[in-house]
Amino acid sequence: MYYREPNAVQFRVALDEIEPAVWRRLVVPWSWHLGQLHLVLQAAFSWWDCHLHEFRIGGLRDGDPEVEDWGDEGSARSFDETQVRLLDFGRSPGLTFAYVYDFGDDWHHTITVEKLLALEFAPRAAACIEGARARPPEDVGGIGNYERFLAIMSDHGDPEHLDTKRWCGGHFDPEWFDLARADKDVRNALKPGVRRQCTSQSRNARKRRPDAVEGGYRPSLPAGLA
């Protein structure tokens, strides 16, 4: 038996503060950088990539180099996520770091390095190998509003039920998860031309400061969630 260098890393990624957990298990090429991991996370959770994001690792912030640094005075400055490679994290499993998407709804994901893998053939794409439950609807308003959203959707007698149902597209099942679809989306995450349900207006707004972004294109919530 001979030793092979790792060429992939296995992550478990879970949305914070939601129980039962919304999570995905991913295998990602070890040579990739955080900018590529961002696209994988968007695909794995079916986010639309319409809002700002950043990684938070050991007190440092890493984000999109094309976006103006929005941090408060005195906060750590943001670094270019494309300059931070996964293999820079070292070889110790158990490392955790955060991925934050949408600074209005403030969805925090905890990423745990489970193990390094020495696959027979170096992977050229990421993969989703396991997971559970659907992520919250885009622009629902954060954890508190998501809980209210679920309560309204489960109560057909709630006066806001029909408006909320229309707002989310007619149906939402928090238990839904399709591994085959998630894996296909993750494998295609870096392919040119991959599009999500995001308007050109919101894509342009994403490059501005969060006060402009979060007020510029976020759809109106039903009265019960506003």
C-alpha atoms as a PDB file:
ATOM      1  CA  MET A   1       0.000   0.000   0.000  1.00  0.00           C
ATOM      2  CA  TYR A   2       1.315   3.453  -0.885  1.00  0.00           C
ATOM      3  CA  TYR A   3       0.439   6.922   0.323  1.00  0.00           C
ATOM      4  CA  ARG A   4      -1.416   9.315  -1.964  1.00  0.00           C
ATOM      5  CA  GLU A   5      -1.704  13.045  -1.434  1.00  0.00           C
ATOM      6  CA  PRO A   6      -5.243  14.273  -0.749  1.00  0.00           C
ATOM      7  CA  ASN A   7      -7.032  15.726  -3.755  1.00  0.00           C
ATOM      8  CA  ALA A   8     -10.479  16.419  -2.279  1.00  0.00           C
ATOM      9  CA  VAL A   9     -12.047  17.573   0.974  1.00  0.00           C
ATOM     10  CA  GLN A  10     -15.351  16.484   2.491  1.00  0.00           C
ATOM     11  CA  PHE A  11     -17.458  19.175   4.172  1.00  0.00           C
ATOM     12  CA  ARG A  12     -20.646  19.127   6.194  1.00  0.00           C
ATOM     13  CA  VAL A  13     -22.506  22.406   5.815  1.00  0.00           C
ATOM     14  CA  ALA A  14     -25.517  23.290   7.978  1.00  0.00           C
ATOM     15  CA  LEU A  15     -27.696  26.371   8.306  1.00  0.00           C
ATOM     16  CA  ASP A  16     -27.491  27.774  11.837  1.00  0.00           C
ATOM     17  CA  GLU A  17     -30.486  28.112  14.175  1.00  0.00           C
ATOM     18  CA  ILE A  18     -32.830  25.827  12.229  1.00  0.00           C
ATOM     19  CA  GLU A  19     -34.047  22.545  13.706  1.00  0.00           C
ATOM     20  CA  PRO A  20     -34.279  19.903  12.392  1.00  0.00           C
ATOM     21  CA  ALA A  21     -31.100  20.810  10.560  1.00  0.00           C
ATOM     22  CA  VAL A  22     -30.913  21.921   6.940  1.00  0.00           C
ATOM     23  CA  TRP A  23     -27.584  20.490   5.824  1.00  0.00           C
ATOM     24  CA  ARG A  24     -25.501  19.163   2.924  1.00  0.00           C
ATOM     25  CA  ARG A  25     -22.436  16.926   2.717  1.00  0.00           C
ATOM     26  CA  LEU A  26     -20.106  17.971  -0.084  1.00  0.00           C
ATOM     27  CA  VAL A  27     -16.923  16.672  -1.704  1.00  0.00           C
ATOM     28  CA  VAL A  28     -14.886  19.490  -3.241  1.00  0.00           C
ATOM     29  CA  PRO A  29     -11.522  19.514  -5.044  1.00  0.00           C
ATOM     30  CA  TRP A  30      -8.873  20.419  -2.481  1.00  0.00           C
ATOM     31  CA  SER A  31      -7.132  22.808  -4.865  1.00  0.00           C
ATOM     32  CA  TRP A  32     -10.183  25.062  -5.214  1.00  0.00           C
ATOM     33  CA  HIS A  33     -10.475  28.517  -3.678  1.00  0.00           C
ATOM     34  CA  LEU A  34     -13.252  30.070  -1.592  1.00  0.00           C
ATOM     35  CA  GLY A  35     -14.773  31.817  -4.595  1.00  0.00           C
ATOM     36  CA  GLN A  36     -15.419  28.422  -6.155  1.00  0.00           C
ATOM     37  CA  LEU A  37     -16.718  27.055  -2.859  1.00  0.00           C
ATOM     38  CA  HIS A  38     -19.190  29.968  -2.759  1.00  0.00           C
ATOM     39  CA  LEU A  39     -20.710  28.829  -6.057  1.00  0.00           C
ATOM     40  CA  VAL A  40     -20.892  25.254  -4.786  1.00  0.00           C
ATOM     41  CA  LEU A  41     -22.711  26.329  -1.622  1.00  0.00           C
ATOM     42  CA  GLN A  42     -25.197  28.380  -3.627  1.00  0.00           C
ATOM     43  CA  ALA A  43     -25.938  25.359  -5.808  1.00  0.00           C
ATOM     44  CA  ALA A  44     -26.095  22.878  -2.923  1.00  0.00           C
ATOM     45  CA  PHE A  45     -28.737  24.909  -1.065  1.00  0.00           C
ATOM     46  CA  SER A  46     -30.486  26.228  -4.187  1.00  0.00           C
ATOM     47  CA  TRP A  47     -29.819  29.824  -3.192  1.00  0.00           C
ATOM     48  CA  TRP A  48     -30.148  32.335  -6.042  1.00  0.00           C
ATOM     49  CA  ASP A  49     -26.866  34.226  -5.515  1.00  0.00           C
ATOM     50  CA  CYS A  50     -28.762  37.533  -5.466  1.00  0.00           C
ATOM     51  CA  HIS A  51     -27.217  38.939  -2.283  1.00  0.00           C
ATOM     52  CA  LEU A  52     -23.850  39.671  -0.738  1.00  0.00           C
ATOM     53  CA  HIS A  53     -21.905  36.911   0.974  1.00  0.00           C
ATOM     54  CA  GLU A  54     -18.679  36.344   2.861  1.00  0.00           C
ATOM     55  CA  PHE A  55     -16.641  33.659   4.578  1.00  0.00           C
ATOM     56  CA  ARG A  56     -15.503  34.189   8.173  1.00  0.00           C
ATOM     57  CA  ILE A  57     -12.428  32.208   9.097  1.00  0.00           C
ATOM     58  CA  GLY A  58     -10.373  32.747  12.235  1.00  0.00           C
ATOM     59  CA  GLY A  59     -11.429  36.370  12.647  1.00  0.00           C
ATOM     60  CA  LEU A  60     -10.845  37.205   8.969  1.00  0.00           C
ATOM     61  CA  ARG A  61     -13.445  38.020   6.338  1.00  0.00           C
ATOM     62  CA  ASP A  62     -13.167  36.808   2.741  1.00  0.00           C
ATOM     63  CA  GLY A  63     -15.600  37.836   0.017  1.00  0.00           C
ATOM     64  CA  ASP A  64     -16.232  38.859  -3.569  1.00  0.00           C
ATOM     65  CA  PRO A  65     -13.337  41.079  -4.729  1.00  0.00           C
ATOM     66  CA  GLU A  66     -15.713  43.059  -6.987  1.00  0.00           C
ATOM     67  CA  VAL A  67     -17.891  44.182  -4.069  1.00  0.00           C
ATOM     68  CA  GLU A  68     -17.088  47.282  -2.045  1.00  0.00           C
ATOM     69  CA  ASP A  69     -15.952  46.434   1.510  1.00  0.00           C
ATOM     70  CA  TRP A  70     -19.073  47.060   3.583  1.00  0.00           C
ATOM     71  CA  GLY A  71     -17.675  46.297   7.062  1.00  0.00           C
ATOM     72  CA  ASP A  72     -18.222  48.666   9.992  1.00  0.00           C
ATOM     73  CA  GLU A  73     -15.387  50.914  11.126  1.00  0.00           C
ATOM     74  CA  GLY A  74     -13.046  48.867  13.273  1.00  0.00           C
ATOM     75  CA  SER A  75     -14.147  45.508  11.850  1.00  0.00           C
ATOM     76  CA  ALA A  76     -11.739  43.203  10.053  1.00  0.00           C
ATOM     77  CA  ARG A  77     -11.295  44.177   6.416  1.00  0.00           C
ATOM     78  CA  SER A  78     -12.515  41.827   3.731  1.00  0.00           C
ATOM     79  CA  PHE A  79      -9.994  39.882   1.641  1.00  0.00           C
ATOM     80  CA  ASP A  80     -10.333  38.449  -1.856  1.00  0.00           C
ATOM     81  CA  GLU A  81     -11.937  35.010  -1.541  1.00  0.00           C
ATOM     82  CA  THR A  82     -10.329  33.855  -4.789  1.00  0.00           C
ATOM     83  CA  GLN A  83      -6.900  34.139  -3.157  1.00  0.00           C
ATOM     84  CA  VAL A  84      -7.708  31.673  -0.344  1.00  0.00           C
ATOM     85  CA  ARG A  85      -7.407  28.014  -1.294  1.00  0.00           C
ATOM     86  CA  LEU A  86      -8.947  25.132   0.609  1.00  0.00           C
ATOM     87  CA  LEU A  87      -5.576  23.444   0.907  1.00  0.00           C
ATOM     88  CA  ASP A  88      -4.335  26.501   2.817  1.00  0.00           C
ATOM     89  CA  PHE A  89      -6.443  25.347   5.780  1.00  0.00           C
ATOM     90  CA  GLY A  90      -4.061  22.515   6.604  1.00  0.00           C
ATOM     91  CA  ARG A  91      -4.747  18.835   7.067  1.00  0.00           C
ATOM     92  CA  SER A  92      -6.565  18.672  10.407  1.00  0.00           C
ATOM     93  CA  PRO A  93     -10.210  17.523  10.242  1.00  0.00           C
ATOM     94  CA  GLY A  94     -12.700  19.214  12.528  1.00  0.00           C
ATOM     95  CA  LEU A  95     -11.932  22.784  11.419  1.00  0.00           C
ATOM     96  CA  THR A  96     -15.089  24.915  11.259  1.00  0.00           C
ATOM     97  CA  PHE A  97     -15.710  28.257   9.608  1.00  0.00           C
ATOM     98  CA  ALA A  98     -18.727  30.316   8.595  1.00  0.00           C
ATOM     99  CA  TYR A  99     -20.355  31.279   5.325  1.00  0.00           C
ATOM    100  CA  VAL A 100     -22.864  34.130   5.517  1.00  0.00           C
ATOM    101  CA  TYR A 101     -25.336  34.767   2.702  1.00  0.00           C
ATOM    102  CA  ASP A 102     -27.672  37.770   2.424  1.00  0.00           C
ATOM    103  CA  PHE A 103     -26.730  40.378   5.028  1.00  0.00           C
ATOM    104  CA  GLY A 104     -30.414  41.306   5.370  1.00  0.00           C
ATOM    105  CA  ASP A 105     -31.834  37.854   6.138  1.00  0.00           C
ATOM    106  CA  ASP A 106     -28.407  36.933   7.552  1.00  0.00           C
ATOM    107  CA  TRP A 107     -28.228  33.213   6.792  1.00  0.00           C
ATOM    108  CA  HIS A 108     -25.240  31.745   8.622  1.00  0.00           C
ATOM    109  CA  HIS A 109     -23.880  28.389   7.473  1.00  0.00           C
ATOM    110  CA  THR A 110     -21.414  26.418   9.597  1.00  0.00           C
ATOM    111  CA  ILE A 111     -18.902  24.539   7.438  1.00  0.00           C
ATOM    112  CA  THR A 112     -17.075  21.622   9.054  1.00  0.00           C
ATOM    113  CA  VAL A 113     -14.080  19.933   7.466  1.00  0.00           C
ATOM    114  CA  GLU A 114     -14.866  16.236   7.993  1.00  0.00           C
ATOM    115  CA  LYS A 115     -11.915  14.651   6.216  1.00  0.00           C
ATOM    116  CA  LEU A 116      -9.419  14.878   3.373  1.00  0.00           C
ATOM    117  CA  LEU A 117      -9.797  12.351   0.578  1.00  0.00           C
ATOM    118  CA  ALA A 118      -7.236  10.745  -1.712  1.00  0.00           C
ATOM    119  CA  LEU A 119      -9.481   9.716  -4.589  1.00  0.00           C
ATOM    120  CA  GLU A 120      -8.156   7.494  -7.340  1.00  0.00           C
ATOM    121  CA  PHE A 121      -8.839  10.218  -9.900  1.00  0.00           C
ATOM    122  CA  ALA A 122      -8.557  13.869  -8.925  1.00  0.00           C
ATOM    123  CA  PRO A 123     -12.076  15.356  -9.102  1.00  0.00           C
ATOM    124  CA  ARG A 124     -12.758  18.086 -11.628  1.00  0.00           C
ATOM    125  CA  ALA A 125     -16.089  19.073 -10.084  1.00  0.00           C
ATOM    126  CA  ALA A 126     -17.675  19.118  -6.660  1.00  0.00           C
ATOM    127  CA  ALA A 127     -20.374  16.669  -5.567  1.00  0.00           C
ATOM    128  CA  CYS A 128     -23.235  16.591  -3.077  1.00  0.00           C
ATOM    129  CA  ILE A 129     -23.362  13.128  -1.490  1.00  0.00           C
ATOM    130  CA  GLU A 130     -25.917  13.604   1.288  1.00  0.00           C
ATOM    131  CA  GLY A 131     -28.218  16.177   2.833  1.00  0.00           C
ATOM    132  CA  ALA A 132     -31.579  16.923   4.358  1.00  0.00           C
ATOM    133  CA  ARG A 133     -34.413  19.436   4.201  1.00  0.00           C
ATOM    134  CA  ALA A 134     -35.085  22.538   2.119  1.00  0.00           C
ATOM    135  CA  ARG A 135     -33.523  25.908   2.804  1.00  0.00           C
ATOM    136  CA  PRO A 136     -35.827  28.832   3.676  1.00  0.00           C
ATOM    137  CA  PRO A 137     -37.327  30.900   0.849  1.00  0.00           C
ATOM    138  CA  GLU A 138     -35.165  33.719  -0.457  1.00  0.00           C
ATOM    139  CA  ASP A 139     -36.026  37.081   1.128  1.00  0.00           C
ATOM    140  CA  VAL A 140     -38.325  35.613   3.792  1.00  0.00           C
ATOM    141  CA  GLY A 141     -36.747  37.952   6.348  1.00  0.00           C
ATOM    142  CA  GLY A 142     -34.428  35.822   8.477  1.00  0.00           C
ATOM    143  CA  ILE A 143     -34.898  33.174  11.170  1.00  0.00           C
ATOM    144  CA  GLY A 144     -37.753  34.871  13.037  1.00  0.00           C
ATOM    145  CA  ASN A 145     -39.762  35.535   9.890  1.00  0.00           C
ATOM    146  CA  TYR A 146     -39.056  32.023   8.624  1.00  0.00           C
ATOM    147  CA  GLU A 147     -40.630  30.548  11.750  1.00  0.00           C
ATOM    148  CA  ARG A 148     -43.652  32.799  11.248  1.00  0.00           C
ATOM    149  CA  PHE A 149     -43.757  31.814   7.570  1.00  0.00           C
ATOM    150  CA  LEU A 150     -43.895  28.099   8.469  1.00  0.00           C
ATOM    151  CA  ALA A 151     -46.662  28.731  10.995  1.00  0.00           C
ATOM    152  CA  ILE A 152     -48.762  30.620   8.423  1.00  0.00           C
ATOM    153  CA  MET A 153     -48.192  27.991   5.723  1.00  0.00           C
ATOM    154  CA  SER A 154     -49.268  25.164   8.038  1.00  0.00           C
ATOM    155  CA  ASP A 155     -52.457  26.973   9.153  1.00  0.00           C
ATOM    156  CA  HIS A 156     -54.972  27.137   6.318  1.00  0.00           C
ATOM    157  CA  GLY A 157     -57.200  29.247   8.523  1.00  0.00           C
ATOM    158  CA  ASP A 158     -54.628  31.993   9.006  1.00  0.00           C
ATOM    159  CA  PRO A 159     -55.818  35.195   7.291  1.00  0.00           C
ATOM    160  CA  GLU A 160     -52.379  35.560   5.695  1.00  0.00           C
ATOM    161  CA  HIS A 161     -52.213  31.984   4.400  1.00  0.00           C
ATOM    162  CA  LEU A 162     -53.292  32.642   0.796  1.00  0.00           C
ATOM    163  CA  ASP A 163     -51.106  35.738   0.345  1.00  0.00           C
ATOM    164  CA  THR A 164     -48.119  33.948   1.837  1.00  0.00           C
ATOM    165  CA  LYS A 165     -48.724  30.880  -0.318  1.00  0.00           C
ATOM    166  CA  ARG A 166     -48.831  33.046  -3.446  1.00  0.00           C
ATOM    167  CA  TRP A 167     -45.699  34.903  -2.351  1.00  0.00           C
ATOM    168  CA  CYS A 168     -43.655  31.691  -2.099  1.00  0.00           C
ATOM    169  CA  GLY A 169     -44.867  30.319  -5.438  1.00  0.00           C
ATOM    170  CA  GLY A 170     -47.795  28.222  -4.295  1.00  0.00           C
ATOM    171  CA  HIS A 171     -46.019  25.506  -2.300  1.00  0.00           C
ATOM    172  CA  PHE A 172     -43.264  25.033   0.234  1.00  0.00           C
ATOM    173  CA  ASP A 173     -42.239  21.775   1.918  1.00  0.00           C
ATOM    174  CA  PRO A 174     -39.508  22.257   4.561  1.00  0.00           C
ATOM    175  CA  GLU A 175     -38.785  18.509   4.483  1.00  0.00           C
ATOM    176  CA  TRP A 176     -38.104  18.401   0.748  1.00  0.00           C
ATOM    177  CA  PHE A 177     -34.655  17.412  -0.462  1.00  0.00           C
ATOM    178  CA  ASP A 178     -33.738  15.826  -3.786  1.00  0.00           C
ATOM    179  CA  LEU A 179     -30.197  14.442  -3.638  1.00  0.00           C
ATOM    180  CA  ALA A 180     -29.980  13.731  -7.371  1.00  0.00           C
ATOM    181  CA  ARG A 181     -30.976  17.304  -8.208  1.00  0.00           C
ATOM    182  CA  ALA A 182     -28.663  18.812  -5.589  1.00  0.00           C
ATOM    183  CA  ASP A 183     -25.737  16.740  -6.844  1.00  0.00           C
ATOM    184  CA  LYS A 184     -26.406  17.717 -10.459  1.00  0.00           C
ATOM    185  CA  ASP A 185     -26.591  21.402  -9.509  1.00  0.00           C
ATOM    186  CA  VAL A 186     -23.366  21.168  -7.503  1.00  0.00           C
ATOM    187  CA  ARG A 187     -21.522  19.377 -10.310  1.00  0.00           C
ATOM    188  CA  ASN A 188     -22.588  22.135 -12.712  1.00  0.00           C
ATOM    189  CA  ALA A 189     -21.979  25.014 -10.290  1.00  0.00           C
ATOM    190  CA  LEU A 190     -18.852  26.308 -12.028  1.00  0.00           C
ATOM    191  CA  LYS A 191     -19.973  25.781 -15.603  1.00  0.00           C
ATOM    192  CA  PRO A 192     -20.326  28.951 -17.683  1.00  0.00           C
ATOM    193  CA  GLY A 193     -23.878  30.074 -18.313  1.00  0.00           C
ATOM    194  CA  VAL A 194     -25.382  28.482 -15.198  1.00  0.00           C
ATOM    195  CA  ARG A 195     -28.229  30.758 -14.139  1.00  0.00           C
ATOM    196  CA  ARG A 196     -30.324  30.948 -11.016  1.00  0.00           C
ATOM    197  CA  GLN A 197     -33.660  32.613 -10.365  1.00  0.00           C
ATOM    198  CA  CYS A 198     -32.122  36.045  -9.991  1.00  0.00           C
ATOM    199  CA  THR A 199     -32.987  39.140 -12.004  1.00  0.00           C
ATOM    200  CA  SER A 200     -30.377  41.202 -13.813  1.00  0.00           C
ATOM    201  CA  GLN A 201     -31.392  44.110 -11.565  1.00  0.00           C
ATOM    202  CA  SER A 202     -30.488  42.153  -8.453  1.00  0.00           C
ATOM    203  CA  ARG A 203     -27.213  40.921  -9.934  1.00  0.00           C
ATOM    204  CA  ASN A 204     -26.156  44.520 -10.570  1.00  0.00           C
ATOM    205  CA  ALA A 205     -27.324  45.612  -7.127  1.00  0.00           C
ATOM    206  CA  ARG A 206     -25.238  42.876  -5.498  1.00  0.00           C
ATOM    207  CA  LYS A 207     -22.088  44.864  -6.293  1.00  0.00           C
ATOM    208  CA  ARG A 208     -23.237  47.870  -4.250  1.00  0.00           C
ATOM    209  CA  ARG A 209     -23.314  48.471  -0.525  1.00  0.00           C
ATOM    210  CA  PRO A 210     -25.813  46.411   1.494  1.00  0.00           C
ATOM    211  CA  ASP A 211     -28.141  49.347   2.249  1.00  0.00           C
ATOM    212  CA  ALA A 212     -28.652  49.775  -1.483  1.00  0.00           C
ATOM    213  CA  VAL A 213     -28.786  46.035  -2.112  1.00  0.00           C
ATOM    214  CA  GLU A 214     -31.211  45.094   0.595  1.00  0.00           C
ATOM    215  CA  GLY A 215     -33.543  47.997  -0.190  1.00  0.00           C
ATOM    216  CA  GLY A 216     -33.195  47.898  -3.951  1.00  0.00           C
ATOM    217  CA  TYR A 217     -34.849  44.709  -5.118  1.00  0.00           C
ATOM    218  CA  ARG A 218     -36.073  42.647  -2.162  1.00  0.00           C
ATOM    219  CA  PRO A 219     -39.669  41.611  -3.008  1.00  0.00           C
ATOM    220  CA  SER A 220     -42.490  42.844  -0.773  1.00  0.00           C
ATOM    221  CA  LEU A 221     -43.438  40.397   1.961  1.00  0.00           C
ATOM    222  CA  PRO A 222     -47.059  39.545   2.782  1.00  0.00           C
ATOM    223  CA  ALA A 223     -48.505  41.574   5.653  1.00  0.00           C
ATOM    224  CA  GLY A 224     -48.087  38.667   8.064  1.00  0.00           C
ATOM    225  CA  LEU A 225     -44.320  38.611   7.473  1.00  0.00           C
ATOM    226  CA  ALA A 226     -43.567  42.295   6.934  1.00  0.00           C
END
